[in-house]
Amino acid sequence: MTKEEKYDFYCEEALSGKTKIEILFESEDVLAFYHTKPFWEKHIVIIPKKHITDLVSVSDEDMHIITKIIKVARDLAKDLNLEEGVQLLTNLGKFQDTPHVHFHLAQGKKIK
């Protein structure tokens, strides 16, 4: 990894199995799990299994994966009774800490 490249936690740790995660949902394209270092009382991360650097770089061919992620967020919010005061958050481009598109499903008080 060069100095310019950022470490991809989701590919290197979560998807590889190196870091233990508590999985809430998994399909061929999408993985949802409790954040390993939560910022909110309820904090779930939803990612594509395919490496996509950021939301800005999603190709037209991969937009179906983003749609699946939104559906997973909706279903988890319903299943876990997170419908009140819940947020679905993401970052764009180089602002991300990890160069892998990901969404945070968050509810409750911020703990960090």
C-alpha atoms as a PDB file:
ATOM      1  CA  MET A   1       0.000   0.000   0.000  1.00  0.00           C
ATOM      2  CA  THR A   2       1.444   3.354  -0.996  1.00  0.00           C
ATOM      3  CA  LYS A   3       1.318   6.462   1.139  1.00  0.00           C
ATOM      4  CA  GLU A   4      -1.540   7.802  -1.018  1.00  0.00           C
ATOM      5  CA  GLU A   5      -3.681   4.660  -0.603  1.00  0.00           C
ATOM      6  CA  LYS A   6      -5.912   4.384   2.427  1.00  0.00           C
ATOM      7  CA  TYR A   7      -6.466   1.173   4.351  1.00  0.00           C
ATOM      8  CA  ASP A   8      -9.798  -0.452   3.432  1.00  0.00           C
ATOM      9  CA  PHE A   9     -11.131  -1.850   6.713  1.00  0.00           C
ATOM     10  CA  TYR A  10     -14.155  -3.399   5.046  1.00  0.00           C
ATOM     11  CA  CYS A  11     -12.221  -5.459   2.482  1.00  0.00           C
ATOM     12  CA  GLU A  12      -9.185  -6.173   4.659  1.00  0.00           C
ATOM     13  CA  GLU A  13     -10.970  -6.949   7.931  1.00  0.00           C
ATOM     14  CA  ALA A  14     -14.764  -7.322   7.794  1.00  0.00           C
ATOM     15  CA  LEU A  15     -15.133  -9.177   4.491  1.00  0.00           C
ATOM     16  CA  SER A  16     -11.969 -11.241   4.937  1.00  0.00           C
ATOM     17  CA  GLY A  17     -12.990 -12.510   8.370  1.00  0.00           C
ATOM     18  CA  LYS A  18      -9.872 -11.136  10.086  1.00  0.00           C
ATOM     19  CA  THR A  19     -12.020  -9.023  12.424  1.00  0.00           C
ATOM     20  CA  LYS A  20     -14.945 -10.654  14.174  1.00  0.00           C
ATOM     21  CA  ILE A  21     -18.222  -8.913  13.326  1.00  0.00           C
ATOM     22  CA  GLU A  22     -21.796  -9.488  14.442  1.00  0.00           C
ATOM     23  CA  ILE A  23     -23.646  -9.954  11.172  1.00  0.00           C
ATOM     24  CA  LEU A  24     -27.265  -8.823  10.914  1.00  0.00           C
ATOM     25  CA  PHE A  25     -27.770  -9.451   7.212  1.00  0.00           C
ATOM     26  CA  GLU A  26     -25.769 -11.040   4.421  1.00  0.00           C
ATOM     27  CA  SER A  27     -26.520 -11.690   0.772  1.00  0.00           C
ATOM     28  CA  GLU A  28     -24.471 -12.156  -2.356  1.00  0.00           C
ATOM     29  CA  ASP A  29     -24.018  -8.367  -2.703  1.00  0.00           C
ATOM     30  CA  VAL A  30     -24.546  -6.788   0.734  1.00  0.00           C
ATOM     31  CA  LEU A  31     -23.290  -7.204   4.297  1.00  0.00           C
ATOM     32  CA  ALA A  32     -24.770  -5.487   7.371  1.00  0.00           C
ATOM     33  CA  PHE A  33     -23.223  -5.753  10.823  1.00  0.00           C
ATOM     34  CA  TYR A  34     -22.941  -3.946  14.122  1.00  0.00           C
ATOM     35  CA  HIS A  35     -20.156  -1.358  14.010  1.00  0.00           C
ATOM     36  CA  THR A  36     -17.018  -2.650  15.725  1.00  0.00           C
ATOM     37  CA  LYS A  37     -16.467   0.716  17.460  1.00  0.00           C
ATOM     38  CA  PRO A  38     -19.935   2.303  17.607  1.00  0.00           C
ATOM     39  CA  PHE A  39     -20.480   6.073  17.704  1.00  0.00           C
ATOM     40  CA  TRP A  40     -24.193   5.779  18.574  1.00  0.00           C
ATOM     41  CA  GLU A  41     -26.197   3.546  20.916  1.00  0.00           C
ATOM     42  CA  LYS A  42     -27.399   1.552  17.899  1.00  0.00           C
ATOM     43  CA  HIS A  43     -24.835   1.619  15.094  1.00  0.00           C
ATOM     44  CA  ILE A  44     -24.999  -0.671  12.080  1.00  0.00           C
ATOM     45  CA  VAL A  45     -22.757  -0.576   9.012  1.00  0.00           C
ATOM     46  CA  ILE A  46     -24.064  -1.676   5.605  1.00  0.00           C
ATOM     47  CA  ILE A  47     -21.572  -2.281   2.810  1.00  0.00           C
ATOM     48  CA  PRO A  48     -21.410  -3.731  -0.670  1.00  0.00           C
ATOM     49  CA  LYS A  49     -19.369  -6.918  -0.817  1.00  0.00           C
ATOM     50  CA  LYS A  50     -17.912  -5.698  -4.078  1.00  0.00           C
ATOM     51  CA  HIS A  51     -15.185  -3.131  -3.559  1.00  0.00           C
ATOM     52  CA  ILE A  52     -16.546   0.250  -4.593  1.00  0.00           C
ATOM     53  CA  THR A  53     -14.329   3.102  -3.457  1.00  0.00           C
ATOM     54  CA  ASP A  54     -17.001   5.705  -2.741  1.00  0.00           C
ATOM     55  CA  LEU A  55     -20.504   6.770  -3.665  1.00  0.00           C
ATOM     56  CA  VAL A  56     -19.215   9.232  -6.271  1.00  0.00           C
ATOM     57  CA  SER A  57     -17.513   6.416  -8.182  1.00  0.00           C
ATOM     58  CA  VAL A  58     -20.481   4.006  -8.287  1.00  0.00           C
ATOM     59  CA  SER A  59     -20.930   2.915 -11.884  1.00  0.00           C
ATOM     60  CA  ASP A  60     -24.323   2.675 -13.535  1.00  0.00           C
ATOM     61  CA  GLU A  61     -23.799  -1.108 -13.588  1.00  0.00           C
ATOM     62  CA  ASP A  62     -23.391  -1.139  -9.781  1.00  0.00           C
ATOM     63  CA  MET A  63     -26.338   1.110  -8.881  1.00  0.00           C
ATOM     64  CA  HIS A  64     -28.431  -2.006  -8.206  1.00  0.00           C
ATOM     65  CA  ILE A  65     -26.132  -2.732  -5.245  1.00  0.00           C
ATOM     66  CA  ILE A  66     -26.793   0.719  -3.764  1.00  0.00           C
ATOM     67  CA  THR A  67     -30.521   0.080  -4.161  1.00  0.00           C
ATOM     68  CA  LYS A  68     -30.100  -3.220  -2.301  1.00  0.00           C
ATOM     69  CA  ILE A  69     -28.233  -1.423   0.501  1.00  0.00           C
ATOM     70  CA  ILE A  70     -31.100   1.062   0.882  1.00  0.00           C
ATOM     71  CA  LYS A  71     -33.586  -1.836   1.045  1.00  0.00           C
ATOM     72  CA  VAL A  72     -31.476  -3.579   3.691  1.00  0.00           C
ATOM     73  CA  ALA A  73     -31.385  -0.346   5.730  1.00  0.00           C
ATOM     74  CA  ARG A  74     -35.160  -0.047   5.475  1.00  0.00           C
ATOM     75  CA  ASP A  75     -35.729  -3.664   6.466  1.00  0.00           C
ATOM     76  CA  LEU A  76     -33.291  -3.545   9.387  1.00  0.00           C
ATOM     77  CA  ALA A  77     -34.876  -0.344  10.681  1.00  0.00           C
ATOM     78  CA  LYS A  78     -38.259  -2.071  10.651  1.00  0.00           C
ATOM     79  CA  ASP A  79     -37.025  -5.396  12.051  1.00  0.00           C
ATOM     80  CA  LEU A  80     -35.051  -3.765  14.871  1.00  0.00           C
ATOM     81  CA  ASN A  81     -37.719  -1.137  15.649  1.00  0.00           C
ATOM     82  CA  LEU A  82     -35.358   1.693  14.704  1.00  0.00           C
ATOM     83  CA  GLU A  83     -38.007   3.665  12.861  1.00  0.00           C
ATOM     84  CA  GLU A  84     -37.985   6.623  15.254  1.00  0.00           C
ATOM     85  CA  GLY A  85     -34.972   8.928  15.332  1.00  0.00           C
ATOM     86  CA  VAL A  86     -32.904   6.773  13.003  1.00  0.00           C
ATOM     87  CA  GLN A  87     -30.361   8.147  10.541  1.00  0.00           C
ATOM     88  CA  LEU A  88     -28.857   6.656   7.396  1.00  0.00           C
ATOM     89  CA  LEU A  89     -25.505   8.320   6.813  1.00  0.00           C
ATOM     90  CA  THR A  90     -22.739   8.091   4.248  1.00  0.00           C
ATOM     91  CA  ASN A  91     -19.817  10.175   3.065  1.00  0.00           C
ATOM     92  CA  LEU A  92     -18.749  11.039  -0.449  1.00  0.00           C
ATOM     93  CA  GLY A  93     -15.364  10.897  -2.103  1.00  0.00           C
ATOM     94  CA  LYS A  94     -12.120  11.416  -0.249  1.00  0.00           C
ATOM     95  CA  PHE A  95     -13.864  12.482   2.981  1.00  0.00           C
ATOM     96  CA  GLN A  96     -14.329   8.835   3.963  1.00  0.00           C
ATOM     97  CA  ASP A  97     -11.976   7.303   6.519  1.00  0.00           C
ATOM     98  CA  THR A  98     -12.128   4.008   4.637  1.00  0.00           C
ATOM     99  CA  PRO A  99     -12.059   3.889   0.825  1.00  0.00           C
ATOM    100  CA  HIS A 100     -15.077   1.593   0.513  1.00  0.00           C
ATOM    101  CA  VAL A 101     -18.628   2.880   0.118  1.00  0.00           C
ATOM    102  CA  HIS A 102     -20.543   2.273   3.340  1.00  0.00           C
ATOM    103  CA  PHE A 103     -23.654   3.440   5.112  1.00  0.00           C
ATOM    104  CA  HIS A 104     -24.249   3.908   8.826  1.00  0.00           C
ATOM    105  CA  LEU A 105     -27.680   3.127  10.251  1.00  0.00           C
ATOM    106  CA  ALA A 106     -27.641   4.978  13.567  1.00  0.00           C
ATOM    107  CA  GLN A 107     -30.059   5.603  16.390  1.00  0.00           C
ATOM    108  CA  GLY A 108     -29.802   6.930  19.912  1.00  0.00           C
ATOM    109  CA  LYS A 109     -27.350   9.097  21.730  1.00  0.00           C
ATOM    110  CA  LYS A 110     -23.928   9.694  20.262  1.00  0.00           C
ATOM    111  CA  ILE A 111     -21.414   7.858  22.463  1.00  0.00           C
ATOM    112  CA  LYS A 112     -18.183   9.062  20.843  1.00  0.00           C
END
